N, C-alpha and C. Protein backbone atom coordinates (compact mmCIF):
# COMPACT_ATOMS: atom_id res chain seq x y z
N UNK A 1 55.20 -9.78 -120.60
CA UNK A 1 55.03 -9.63 -119.19
C UNK A 1 55.76 -8.46 -118.71
N UNK A 2 57.13 -8.30 -119.17
CA UNK A 2 58.26 -7.46 -119.17
C UNK A 2 57.64 -5.94 -119.18
N UNK A 3 56.93 -5.81 -120.32
CA UNK A 3 56.50 -4.53 -120.73
C UNK A 3 55.16 -4.10 -119.72
N UNK A 4 54.48 -4.96 -119.51
CA UNK A 4 53.31 -4.55 -118.48
C UNK A 4 53.58 -4.18 -117.18
N UNK A 5 54.76 -5.07 -116.55
CA UNK A 5 55.24 -4.84 -115.27
C UNK A 5 56.04 -3.63 -115.10
N UNK A 6 56.80 -3.28 -116.22
CA UNK A 6 57.88 -2.14 -115.92
C UNK A 6 57.43 -0.92 -116.79
N UNK A 7 57.49 -1.22 -118.25
CA UNK A 7 57.27 0.06 -119.30
C UNK A 7 56.05 0.62 -118.90
N UNK A 8 54.89 -0.27 -119.07
CA UNK A 8 53.45 0.25 -119.32
C UNK A 8 53.43 0.77 -117.57
N UNK A 9 53.80 0.33 -116.55
CA UNK A 9 53.78 0.68 -115.36
C UNK A 9 54.24 1.98 -115.07
N UNK A 10 55.37 2.27 -115.60
CA UNK A 10 56.03 3.52 -115.59
C UNK A 10 55.39 4.81 -116.29
N UNK A 11 54.76 4.34 -117.44
CA UNK A 11 54.29 5.38 -118.43
C UNK A 11 52.82 5.71 -117.65
N UNK A 12 52.12 4.77 -117.17
CA UNK A 12 50.85 5.10 -116.65
C UNK A 12 50.95 5.84 -115.24
N UNK A 13 51.83 5.55 -114.47
CA UNK A 13 51.99 6.19 -113.32
C UNK A 13 52.59 7.60 -113.61
N UNK A 14 53.17 7.82 -114.68
CA UNK A 14 53.84 9.19 -114.86
C UNK A 14 52.58 9.97 -115.61
N UNK A 15 51.61 9.33 -116.15
CA UNK A 15 50.63 10.00 -116.77
C UNK A 15 49.21 10.38 -115.74
N UNK A 16 49.34 9.64 -114.59
CA UNK A 16 48.59 9.94 -113.53
C UNK A 16 47.49 9.05 -113.60
N UNK A 17 47.49 7.84 -114.12
CA UNK A 17 46.31 6.94 -114.24
C UNK A 17 46.07 6.43 -112.88
N UNK A 18 44.78 6.59 -112.40
CA UNK A 18 44.34 6.23 -111.04
C UNK A 18 44.88 4.68 -110.48
N UNK A 19 44.42 3.76 -111.48
CA UNK A 19 44.60 2.46 -111.03
C UNK A 19 45.49 1.70 -112.17
N UNK A 20 46.22 0.90 -111.76
CA UNK A 20 46.92 0.17 -112.76
C UNK A 20 46.54 -1.42 -112.28
N UNK A 21 46.02 -2.32 -113.26
CA UNK A 21 45.63 -3.56 -112.97
C UNK A 21 46.32 -4.46 -113.79
N UNK A 22 46.76 -5.44 -113.16
CA UNK A 22 47.63 -6.58 -114.05
C UNK A 22 46.64 -8.13 -113.68
N UNK A 23 46.64 -8.67 -114.77
CA UNK A 23 45.69 -9.87 -114.68
C UNK A 23 46.55 -10.98 -115.41
N UNK A 24 46.74 -12.07 -114.48
CA UNK A 24 47.68 -13.15 -115.04
C UNK A 24 46.84 -14.46 -115.09
N UNK A 25 46.30 -14.75 -116.15
CA UNK A 25 45.25 -15.77 -116.23
C UNK A 25 45.59 -17.14 -115.91
N UNK A 26 46.75 -17.39 -116.28
CA UNK A 26 47.37 -18.83 -116.21
C UNK A 26 47.58 -19.01 -114.71
N UNK A 27 48.14 -17.95 -113.92
CA UNK A 27 48.18 -18.06 -112.53
C UNK A 27 46.69 -17.75 -111.78
N UNK A 28 45.78 -17.32 -112.46
CA UNK A 28 44.60 -16.70 -111.81
C UNK A 28 44.70 -15.61 -110.69
N UNK A 29 46.03 -14.87 -110.89
CA UNK A 29 46.19 -13.80 -110.12
C UNK A 29 45.77 -12.45 -110.61
N UNK A 30 45.48 -11.73 -109.57
CA UNK A 30 45.24 -10.12 -110.13
C UNK A 30 46.02 -9.11 -109.16
N UNK A 31 46.86 -8.40 -109.80
CA UNK A 31 47.52 -7.21 -108.89
C UNK A 31 46.73 -5.72 -109.27
N UNK A 32 46.59 -5.10 -108.15
CA UNK A 32 46.22 -3.81 -108.27
C UNK A 32 47.01 -2.88 -107.77
N UNK A 33 47.52 -1.95 -108.41
CA UNK A 33 48.04 -0.64 -107.95
C UNK A 33 47.07 0.75 -108.09
N UNK A 34 47.26 1.38 -106.88
CA UNK A 34 46.62 2.76 -106.76
C UNK A 34 47.67 3.76 -106.90
N UNK A 35 47.51 4.95 -107.42
CA UNK A 35 48.27 5.93 -107.67
C UNK A 35 47.87 6.80 -106.27
N UNK A 36 49.10 7.09 -105.42
CA UNK A 36 48.94 7.53 -104.22
C UNK A 36 50.20 8.58 -104.28
N UNK A 37 50.07 9.86 -103.97
CA UNK A 37 51.03 10.87 -103.92
C UNK A 37 52.04 10.71 -105.19
N UNK A 38 51.40 10.31 -106.38
CA UNK A 38 52.26 10.24 -107.70
C UNK A 38 53.19 9.12 -107.81
N UNK A 39 52.75 8.10 -107.00
CA UNK A 39 53.33 6.64 -107.17
C UNK A 39 52.33 5.75 -106.82
N UNK A 40 52.47 4.51 -107.74
CA UNK A 40 51.62 3.64 -107.30
C UNK A 40 51.89 2.77 -106.22
N UNK A 41 50.95 2.19 -105.55
CA UNK A 41 51.19 1.39 -104.27
C UNK A 41 50.20 0.26 -104.36
N UNK A 42 50.92 -0.84 -104.25
CA UNK A 42 50.12 -2.14 -104.40
C UNK A 42 48.76 -2.26 -103.26
N UNK A 43 47.79 -2.42 -103.79
CA UNK A 43 46.59 -2.46 -102.58
C UNK A 43 45.92 -3.78 -103.02
N UNK A 44 46.23 -4.62 -103.85
CA UNK A 44 45.75 -5.99 -103.94
C UNK A 44 46.72 -6.91 -104.66
N UNK A 45 46.81 -8.06 -104.29
CA UNK A 45 47.64 -9.10 -104.88
C UNK A 45 47.15 -10.50 -104.46
N UNK A 46 46.27 -11.23 -105.31
CA UNK A 46 45.79 -12.32 -104.59
C UNK A 46 45.22 -13.20 -105.95
N UNK A 47 44.86 -14.16 -105.62
CA UNK A 47 44.27 -15.32 -106.54
C UNK A 47 42.83 -15.53 -106.15
N UNK A 48 42.50 -15.20 -105.00
CA UNK A 48 40.91 -15.20 -104.37
C UNK A 48 40.58 -14.05 -103.72
N UNK A 49 39.37 -13.88 -103.37
CA UNK A 49 38.79 -12.93 -102.49
C UNK A 49 38.14 -11.58 -103.20
N UNK A 50 37.70 -10.72 -102.56
CA UNK A 50 37.13 -9.65 -103.05
C UNK A 50 37.75 -8.55 -103.51
N UNK A 51 37.79 -8.14 -104.69
CA UNK A 51 38.53 -6.97 -105.13
C UNK A 51 37.55 -5.60 -105.20
N UNK A 52 37.90 -4.72 -104.40
CA UNK A 52 37.18 -3.50 -104.37
C UNK A 52 38.00 -2.45 -104.64
N UNK A 53 37.37 -1.61 -105.75
CA UNK A 53 38.03 -0.42 -106.09
C UNK A 53 37.14 0.78 -106.26
N UNK A 54 37.36 1.95 -105.63
CA UNK A 54 36.63 3.24 -105.80
C UNK A 54 37.25 4.27 -106.73
N UNK A 55 36.52 4.84 -107.55
CA UNK A 55 37.08 5.79 -108.42
C UNK A 55 36.93 7.16 -107.98
N UNK A 56 37.76 8.18 -108.58
CA UNK A 56 37.34 9.70 -108.20
C UNK A 56 36.01 9.98 -108.69
N UNK A 57 35.44 9.45 -109.65
CA UNK A 57 34.30 9.90 -110.22
C UNK A 57 32.99 9.27 -109.31
N UNK A 58 33.40 8.63 -108.42
CA UNK A 58 32.25 8.05 -107.41
C UNK A 58 31.91 6.75 -107.62
N UNK A 59 32.20 6.25 -108.82
CA UNK A 59 31.99 5.14 -109.32
C UNK A 59 32.72 3.87 -108.28
N UNK A 60 32.10 2.60 -108.20
CA UNK A 60 32.95 1.65 -107.49
C UNK A 60 32.83 0.44 -108.32
N UNK A 61 33.69 -0.55 -108.06
CA UNK A 61 33.85 -1.87 -108.53
C UNK A 61 34.03 -3.10 -107.47
N UNK A 62 33.13 -3.88 -107.41
CA UNK A 62 33.51 -4.94 -106.46
C UNK A 62 33.57 -6.32 -107.47
N UNK A 63 34.58 -7.12 -107.16
CA UNK A 63 34.68 -8.37 -108.03
C UNK A 63 35.05 -9.48 -107.22
N UNK A 64 34.25 -10.41 -107.16
CA UNK A 64 34.68 -11.68 -106.50
C UNK A 64 35.41 -12.46 -107.34
N UNK A 65 36.81 -12.69 -107.10
CA UNK A 65 37.87 -13.39 -107.98
C UNK A 65 37.40 -14.94 -108.17
N UNK A 66 36.95 -15.42 -107.19
CA UNK A 66 36.45 -16.90 -107.41
C UNK A 66 35.42 -17.11 -108.46
N UNK A 67 34.34 -16.19 -108.41
CA UNK A 67 33.43 -16.39 -109.20
C UNK A 67 33.91 -15.91 -110.77
N UNK A 68 34.89 -14.96 -110.67
CA UNK A 68 35.23 -14.53 -111.98
C UNK A 68 36.06 -15.79 -112.63
N UNK A 69 36.91 -16.49 -111.90
CA UNK A 69 37.75 -17.57 -112.45
C UNK A 69 36.66 -18.57 -112.89
N UNK A 70 35.76 -18.80 -112.16
CA UNK A 70 34.59 -19.76 -112.49
C UNK A 70 34.01 -19.63 -113.78
N UNK A 71 33.70 -18.32 -114.01
CA UNK A 71 33.03 -17.92 -115.48
C UNK A 71 33.94 -18.23 -116.62
N UNK A 72 35.34 -17.81 -116.34
CA UNK A 72 36.30 -17.98 -117.29
C UNK A 72 36.50 -19.43 -117.85
N UNK A 73 36.35 -20.39 -116.96
CA UNK A 73 36.70 -21.83 -117.33
C UNK A 73 35.70 -22.30 -118.17
């Protein structure tokens, strides 16, 4: 967890990766950070709800977390 939340986070931010997503299966929590002006800003942090992401390519992703966790169980 330390590597994901700190080391990889910093590397991905430095390299300009648009989104950084952390998934915590035991907690059923998802955190999403979006690169804004060279720094990650948390745009989602929840265990339920609708996760929506739009990419520079014009593609988008919509994910209902409650349905996701139902499928995982």
